[in-house]
PDB file of N, CA and C in Angstrom:
ATOM      1  N   MET A   1      21.432 130.457   7.335  1.00  0.00           N
ATOM      2  CA  MET A   1      22.692 130.772   6.692  1.00  0.00           C
ATOM      3  C   MET A   1      23.080 129.599   5.790  1.00  0.00           C
ATOM      4  N   PHE A   2      23.732 129.952   4.661  1.00  0.00           N
ATOM      5  CA  PHE A   2      24.105 128.964   3.649  1.00  0.00           C
ATOM      6  C   PHE A   2      25.592 129.049   3.349  1.00  0.00           C
ATOM      7  N   THR A   3      26.205 127.890   3.135  1.00  0.00           N
ATOM      8  CA  THR A   3      27.614 127.810   2.782  1.00  0.00           C
ATOM      9  C   THR A   3      27.742 127.152   1.419  1.00  0.00           C
ATOM     10  N   ALA A   4      28.525 127.771   0.525  1.00  0.00           N
ATOM     11  CA  ALA A   4      28.765 127.219  -0.808  1.00  0.00           C
ATOM     12  C   ALA A   4      29.784 126.090  -0.720  1.00  0.00           C
ATOM     13  N   LEU A   5      29.486 124.990  -1.414  1.00  0.00           N
ATOM     14  CA  LEU A   5      30.310 123.796  -1.315  1.00  0.00           C
ATOM     15  C   LEU A   5      30.371 123.092  -2.663  1.00  0.00           C
ATOM     16  N   ILE A   6      31.569 122.722  -3.068  1.00  0.00           N
ATOM     17  CA  ILE A   6      31.762 121.925  -4.277  1.00  0.00           C
ATOM     18  C   ILE A   6      32.583 120.706  -3.900  1.00  0.00           C
ATOM     19  N   ILE A   7      32.171 119.546  -4.384  1.00  0.00           N
ATOM     20  CA  ILE A   7      32.982 118.335  -4.257  1.00  0.00           C
ATOM     21  C   ILE A   7      33.446 117.992  -5.666  1.00  0.00           C
ATOM     22  N   ALA A   8      34.763 117.874  -5.822  1.00  0.00           N
ATOM     23  CA  ALA A   8      35.345 117.570  -7.123  1.00  0.00           C
ATOM     24  C   ALA A   8      36.156 116.289  -7.009  1.00  0.00           C
ATOM     25  N   CYS A   9      36.040 115.452  -8.044  1.00  0.00           N
ATOM     26  CA  CYS A   9      36.750 114.171  -8.042  1.00  0.00           C
ATOM     27  C   CYS A   9      37.671 114.083  -9.247  1.00  0.00           C
ATOM     28  N   HIS A  10      38.753 113.330  -9.052  1.00  0.00           N
ATOM     29  CA  HIS A  10      39.692 113.080 -10.139  1.00  0.00           C
ATOM     30  C   HIS A  10      38.937 112.348 -11.240  1.00  0.00           C
ATOM     31  N   PHE A  11      39.140 112.772 -12.483  1.00  0.00           N
ATOM     32  CA  PHE A  11      38.328 112.201 -13.544  1.00  0.00           C
ATOM     33  C   PHE A  11      38.681 110.756 -13.874  1.00  0.00           C
ATOM     34  N   GLN A  12      39.804 110.240 -13.382  1.00  0.00           N
ATOM     35  CA  GLN A  12      40.151 108.839 -13.605  1.00  0.00           C
ATOM     36  C   GLN A  12      40.006 107.989 -12.345  1.00  0.00           C
ATOM     37  N   ASN A  13      39.703 108.623 -11.226  1.00  0.00           N
ATOM     38  CA  ASN A  13      39.565 107.889  -9.966  1.00  0.00           C
ATOM     39  C   ASN A  13      38.486 108.563  -9.128  1.00  0.00           C
ATOM     40  N   ALA A  14      37.281 108.063  -9.218  1.00  0.00           N
ATOM     41  CA  ALA A  14      36.139 108.677  -8.527  1.00  0.00           C
ATOM     42  C   ALA A  14      36.284 108.641  -7.007  1.00  0.00           C
ATOM     43  N   ALA A  15      37.200 107.837  -6.484  1.00  0.00           N
ATOM     44  CA  ALA A  15      37.401 107.776  -5.037  1.00  0.00           C
ATOM     45  C   ALA A  15      38.329 108.884  -4.544  1.00  0.00           C
ATOM     46  N   ALA A  16      38.994 109.559  -5.467  1.00  0.00           N
ATOM     47  CA  ALA A  16      39.921 110.636  -5.105  1.00  0.00           C
ATOM     48  C   ALA A  16      39.207 111.971  -5.267  1.00  0.00           C
ATOM     49  N   CYS A  17      38.575 112.409  -4.181  1.00  0.00           N
ATOM     50  CA  CYS A  17      37.767 113.627  -4.229  1.00  0.00           C
ATOM     51  C   CYS A  17      38.268 114.653  -3.213  1.00  0.00           C
ATOM     52  N   VAL A  18      37.962 115.918  -3.500  1.00  0.00           N
ATOM     53  CA  VAL A  18      38.280 117.004  -2.585  1.00  0.00           C
ATOM     54  C   VAL A  18      37.016 117.821  -2.351  1.00  0.00           C
ATOM     55  N   GLN A  19      36.931 118.397  -1.175  1.00  0.00           N
ATOM     56  CA  GLN A  19      35.822 119.284  -0.850  1.00  0.00           C
ATOM     57  C   GLN A  19      36.343 120.713  -0.909  1.00  0.00           C
ATOM     58  N   ILE A  20      35.659 121.546  -1.680  1.00  0.00           N
ATOM     59  CA  ILE A  20      36.014 122.959  -1.806  1.00  0.00           C
ATOM     60  C   ILE A  20      34.921 123.753  -1.112  1.00  0.00           C
ATOM     61  N   THR A  21      35.269 124.384  -0.002  1.00  0.00           N
ATOM     62  CA  THR A  21      34.295 125.148   0.779  1.00  0.00           C
ATOM     63  C   THR A  21      34.627 126.630   0.674  1.00  0.00           C
ATOM     64  N   ASP A  22      33.620 127.424   0.420  1.00  0.00           N
ATOM     65  CA  ASP A  22      33.771 128.863   0.275  1.00  0.00           C
ATOM     66  C   ASP A  22      34.308 129.480   1.563  1.00  0.00           C
ATOM     67  N   ILE A  23      35.243 130.421   1.416  1.00  0.00           N
ATOM     68  CA  ILE A  23      35.809 131.082   2.588  1.00  0.00           C
ATOM     69  C   ILE A  23      35.198 132.452   2.847  1.00  0.00           C
ATOM     70  N   TYR A  24      34.317 132.912   1.955  1.00  0.00           N
ATOM     71  CA  TYR A  24      33.715 134.233   2.120  1.00  0.00           C
ATOM     72  C   TYR A  24      32.382 134.202   2.858  1.00  0.00           C
ATOM     73  N   GLY A  25      31.672 133.074   2.810  1.00  0.00           N
ATOM     74  CA  GLY A  25      30.352 132.978   3.428  1.00  0.00           C
ATOM     75  C   GLY A  25      30.458 132.800   4.920  1.00  0.00           C
ATOM     76  N   PRO A  26      29.393 132.437   5.576  1.00  0.00           N
ATOM     77  CA  PRO A  26      28.122 131.993   4.997  1.00  0.00           C
ATOM     78  C   PRO A  26      27.259 133.163   4.510  1.00  0.00           C
ATOM     79  N   TYR A  27      26.221 132.804   3.756  1.00  0.00           N
ATOM     80  CA  TYR A  27      25.321 133.773   3.148  1.00  0.00           C
ATOM     81  C   TYR A  27      23.945 133.672   3.775  1.00  0.00           C
ATOM     82  N   LYS A  28      23.268 134.801   3.841  1.00  0.00           N
ATOM     83  CA  LYS A  28      21.950 134.841   4.476  1.00  0.00           C
ATOM     84  C   LYS A  28      20.885 134.162   3.637  1.00  0.00           C
ATOM     85  N   THR A  29      21.009 134.242   2.301  1.00  0.00           N
ATOM     86  CA  THR A  29      19.973 133.668   1.436  1.00  0.00           C
ATOM     87  C   THR A  29      20.569 132.625   0.499  1.00  0.00           C
ATOM     88  N   ALA A  30      19.708 131.730   0.042  1.00  0.00           N
ATOM     89  CA  ALA A  30      20.128 130.722  -0.927  1.00  0.00           C
ATOM     90  C   ALA A  30      20.547 131.386  -2.238  1.00  0.00           C
ATOM     91  N   GLU A  31      19.911 132.483  -2.595  1.00  0.00           N
ATOM     92  CA  GLU A  31      20.239 133.189  -3.835  1.00  0.00           C
ATOM     93  C   GLU A  31      21.665 133.738  -3.791  1.00  0.00           C
ATOM     94  N   GLU A  32      22.062 134.325  -2.660  1.00  0.00           N
ATOM     95  CA  GLU A  32      23.426 134.827  -2.513  1.00  0.00           C
ATOM     96  C   GLU A  32      24.433 133.679  -2.610  1.00  0.00           C
ATOM     97  N   CYS A  33      24.093 132.575  -1.997  1.00  0.00           N
ATOM     98  CA  CYS A  33      24.964 131.402  -2.022  1.00  0.00           C
ATOM     99  C   CYS A  33      25.075 130.854  -3.452  1.00  0.00           C
ATOM    100  N   ASP A  34      23.969 130.800  -4.171  1.00  0.00           N
ATOM    101  CA  ASP A  34      23.990 130.326  -5.554  1.00  0.00           C
ATOM    102  C   ASP A  34      24.880 131.200  -6.429  1.00  0.00           C
ATOM    103  N   GLU A  35      24.837 132.518  -6.211  1.00  0.00           N
ATOM    104  CA  GLU A  35      25.706 133.426  -6.965  1.00  0.00           C
ATOM    105  C   GLU A  35      27.172 133.106  -6.687  1.00  0.00           C
ATOM    106  N   ARG A  36      27.497 132.854  -5.439  1.00  0.00           N
ATOM    107  CA  ARG A  36      28.874 132.516  -5.080  1.00  0.00           C
ATOM    108  C   ARG A  36      29.279 131.179  -5.694  1.00  0.00           C
ATOM    109  N   LEU A  37      28.355 130.222  -5.711  1.00  0.00           N
ATOM    110  CA  LEU A  37      28.644 128.929  -6.331  1.00  0.00           C
ATOM    111  C   LEU A  37      29.007 129.098  -7.800  1.00  0.00           C
ATOM    112  N   GLU A  38      28.314 129.982  -8.507  1.00  0.00           N
ATOM    113  CA  GLU A  38      28.623 130.239  -9.914  1.00  0.00           C
ATOM    114  C   GLU A  38      30.055 130.738 -10.063  1.00  0.00           C
ATOM    115  N   GLU A  39      30.473 131.651  -9.180  1.00  0.00           N
ATOM    116  CA  GLU A  39      31.843 132.157  -9.219  1.00  0.00           C
ATOM    117  C   GLU A  39      32.849 131.042  -8.954  1.00  0.00           C
ATOM    118  N   MET A  40      32.561 130.243  -7.927  1.00  0.00           N
ATOM    119  CA  MET A  40      33.464 129.152  -7.566  1.00  0.00           C
ATOM    120  C   MET A  40      33.563 128.123  -8.688  1.00  0.00           C
ATOM    121  N   LEU A  41      32.434 127.809  -9.297  1.00  0.00           N
ATOM    122  CA  LEU A  41      32.421 126.836 -10.378  1.00  0.00           C
ATOM    123  C   LEU A  41      33.237 127.349 -11.569  1.00  0.00           C
ATOM    124  N   GLY A  42      33.100 128.639 -11.872  1.00  0.00           N
ATOM    125  CA  GLY A  42      33.900 129.224 -12.948  1.00  0.00           C
ATOM    126  C   GLY A  42      35.385 129.097 -12.671  1.00  0.00           C
ATOM    127  N   SER A  43      35.784 129.344 -11.438  1.00  0.00           N
ATOM    128  CA  SER A  43      37.199 129.213 -11.068  1.00  0.00           C
ATOM    129  C   SER A  43      37.662 127.765 -11.172  1.00  0.00           C
ATOM    130  N   ALA A  44      36.831 126.850 -10.719  1.00  0.00           N
ATOM    131  CA  ALA A  44      37.185 125.427 -10.782  1.00  0.00           C
ATOM    132  C   ALA A  44      37.326 124.964 -12.226  1.00  0.00           C
ATOM    133  N   MET A  45      36.436 125.420 -13.093  1.00  0.00           N
ATOM    134  CA  MET A  45      36.500 125.004 -14.489  1.00  0.00           C
ATOM    135  C   MET A  45      37.709 125.632 -15.192  1.00  0.00           C
ATOM    136  N   ARG A  46      38.077 126.858 -14.822  1.00  0.00           N
ATOM    137  CA  ARG A  46      39.278 127.468 -15.389  1.00  0.00           C
ATOM    138  C   ARG A  46      40.522 126.668 -15.008  1.00  0.00           C
ATOM    139  N   LEU A  47      40.573 126.196 -13.763  1.00  0.00           N
ATOM    140  CA  LEU A  47      41.702 125.356 -13.344  1.00  0.00           C
ATOM    141  C   LEU A  47      41.765 124.097 -14.188  1.00  0.00           C
ATOM    142  N   TYR A  48      40.621 123.495 -14.440  1.00  0.00           N
ATOM    143  CA  TYR A  48      40.577 122.258 -15.236  1.00  0.00           C
ATOM    144  C   TYR A  48      41.027 122.524 -16.674  1.00  0.00           C
ATOM    145  N   ILE A  49      40.499 123.588 -17.286  1.00  0.00           N
ATOM    146  CA  ILE A  49      40.776 123.869 -18.698  1.00  0.00           C
ATOM    147  C   ILE A  49      42.168 124.463 -18.896  1.00  0.00           C
ATOM    148  N   GLU A  50      42.506 125.491 -18.146  1.00  0.00           N
ATOM    149  CA  GLU A  50      43.758 126.216 -18.379  1.00  0.00           C
ATOM    150  C   GLU A  50      44.980 125.530 -17.775  1.00  0.00           C
ATOM    151  N   ASP A  51      44.823 124.973 -16.587  1.00  0.00           N
ATOM    152  CA  ASP A  51      45.965 124.392 -15.884  1.00  0.00           C
ATOM    153  C   ASP A  51      45.980 122.871 -15.917  1.00  0.00           C
ATOM    154  N   LYS A  52      44.993 122.292 -16.568  1.00  0.00           N
ATOM    155  CA  LYS A  52      44.904 120.828 -16.718  1.00  0.00           C
ATOM    156  C   LYS A  52      44.827 120.104 -15.374  1.00  0.00           C
ATOM    157  N   VAL A  53      44.167 120.726 -14.398  1.00  0.00           N
ATOM    158  CA  VAL A  53      43.949 120.075 -13.106  1.00  0.00           C
ATOM    159  C   VAL A  53      42.871 119.011 -13.330  1.00  0.00           C
ATOM    160  N   PRO A  54      43.165 117.731 -13.065  1.00  0.00           N
ATOM    161  CA  PRO A  54      42.266 116.649 -13.470  1.00  0.00           C
ATOM    162  C   PRO A  54      41.102 116.378 -12.507  1.00  0.00           C
ATOM    163  N   PHE A  55      40.524 117.412 -11.952  1.00  0.00           N
ATOM    164  CA  PHE A  55      39.376 117.253 -11.057  1.00  0.00           C
ATOM    165  C   PHE A  55      38.164 117.924 -11.668  1.00  0.00           C
ATOM    166  N   LEU A  56      37.030 117.243 -11.608  1.00  0.00           N
ATOM    167  CA  LEU A  56      35.783 117.790 -12.127  1.00  0.00           C
ATOM    168  C   LEU A  56      34.742 117.834 -11.009  1.00  0.00           C
ATOM    169  N   PRO A  57      33.960 118.899 -10.931  1.00  0.00           N
ATOM    170  CA  PRO A  57      32.914 119.004  -9.907  1.00  0.00           C
ATOM    171  C   PRO A  57      31.864 117.910 -10.082  1.00  0.00           C
ATOM    172  N   VAL A  58      31.534 117.240  -8.984  1.00  0.00           N
ATOM    173  CA  VAL A  58      30.481 116.228  -9.015  1.00  0.00           C
ATOM    174  C   VAL A  58      29.294 116.620  -8.138  1.00  0.00           C
ATOM    175  N   THR A  59      29.546 117.457  -7.147  1.00  0.00           N
ATOM    176  CA  THR A  59      28.486 117.977  -6.284  1.00  0.00           C
ATOM    177  C   THR A  59      28.680 119.482  -6.153  1.00  0.00           C
ATOM    178  N   ILE A  60      27.613 120.214  -6.427  1.00  0.00           N
ATOM    179  CA  ILE A  60      27.640 121.671  -6.342  1.00  0.00           C
ATOM    180  C   ILE A  60      26.399 122.064  -5.555  1.00  0.00           C
ATOM    181  N   THR A  61      26.593 122.591  -4.343  1.00  0.00           N
ATOM    182  CA  THR A  61      25.432 122.829  -3.494  1.00  0.00           C
ATOM    183  C   THR A  61      25.656 123.969  -2.510  1.00  0.00           C
ATOM    184  N   CYS A  62      24.552 124.480  -2.028  1.00  0.00           N
ATOM    185  CA  CYS A  62      24.578 125.411  -0.912  1.00  0.00           C
ATOM    186  C   CYS A  62      24.050 124.649   0.300  1.00  0.00           C
ATOM    187  N   ARG A  63      24.884 124.489   1.273  1.00  0.00           N
ATOM    188  CA  ARG A  63      24.523 123.724   2.472  1.00  0.00           C
ATOM    189  C   ARG A  63      23.931 124.685   3.498  1.00  0.00           C
ATOM    190  N   HIS A  64      22.723 124.356   3.939  1.00  0.00           N
ATOM    191  CA  HIS A  64      22.082 125.142   5.008  1.00  0.00           C
ATOM    192  C   HIS A  64      22.743 124.759   6.322  1.00  0.00           C
ATOM    193  N   GLU A  65      22.898 125.698   7.224  1.00  0.00           N
ATOM    194  CA  GLU A  65      23.635 125.453   8.469  1.00  0.00           C
ATOM    195  C   GLU A  65      23.055 124.307   9.286  1.00  0.00           C
ATOM    196  N   SER A  66      21.785 123.982   9.101  1.00  0.00           N
ATOM    197  CA  SER A  66      21.179 122.875   9.859  1.00  0.00           C
ATOM    198  C   SER A  66      21.313 121.549   9.115  1.00  0.00           C
ATOM    199  N   SER A  67      21.945 121.565   7.934  1.00  0.00           N
ATOM    200  CA  SER A  67      22.073 120.362   7.112  1.00  0.00           C
ATOM    201  C   SER A  67      23.375 119.655   7.388  1.00  0.00           C
ATOM    202  N   ASN A  68      23.382 118.334   7.204  1.00  0.00           N
ATOM    203  CA  ASN A  68      24.596 117.537   7.349  1.00  0.00           C
ATOM    204  C   ASN A  68      25.217 117.203   6.012  1.00  0.00           C
ATOM    205  N   VAL A  69      24.693 117.735   4.918  1.00  0.00           N
ATOM    206  CA  VAL A  69      25.191 117.398   3.581  1.00  0.00           C
ATOM    207  C   VAL A  69      26.456 118.161   3.306  1.00  0.00           C
TER     208      VAL A  69
END
């Protein structure tokens, strides 16, 4: 099983980061998780562009349930 995960950091302070974890998963395949990541990334970028939220994704990954990442 895979969980979609994005880590986004403030663009002026790399130490100020948030973890965005998908609430719809986990997914059985990496491909399903990757599709969800694309949706999540689109939403995150819309927040940055339209609402001027100063966080940019720095890590975009599908975490396998046996992984500590």
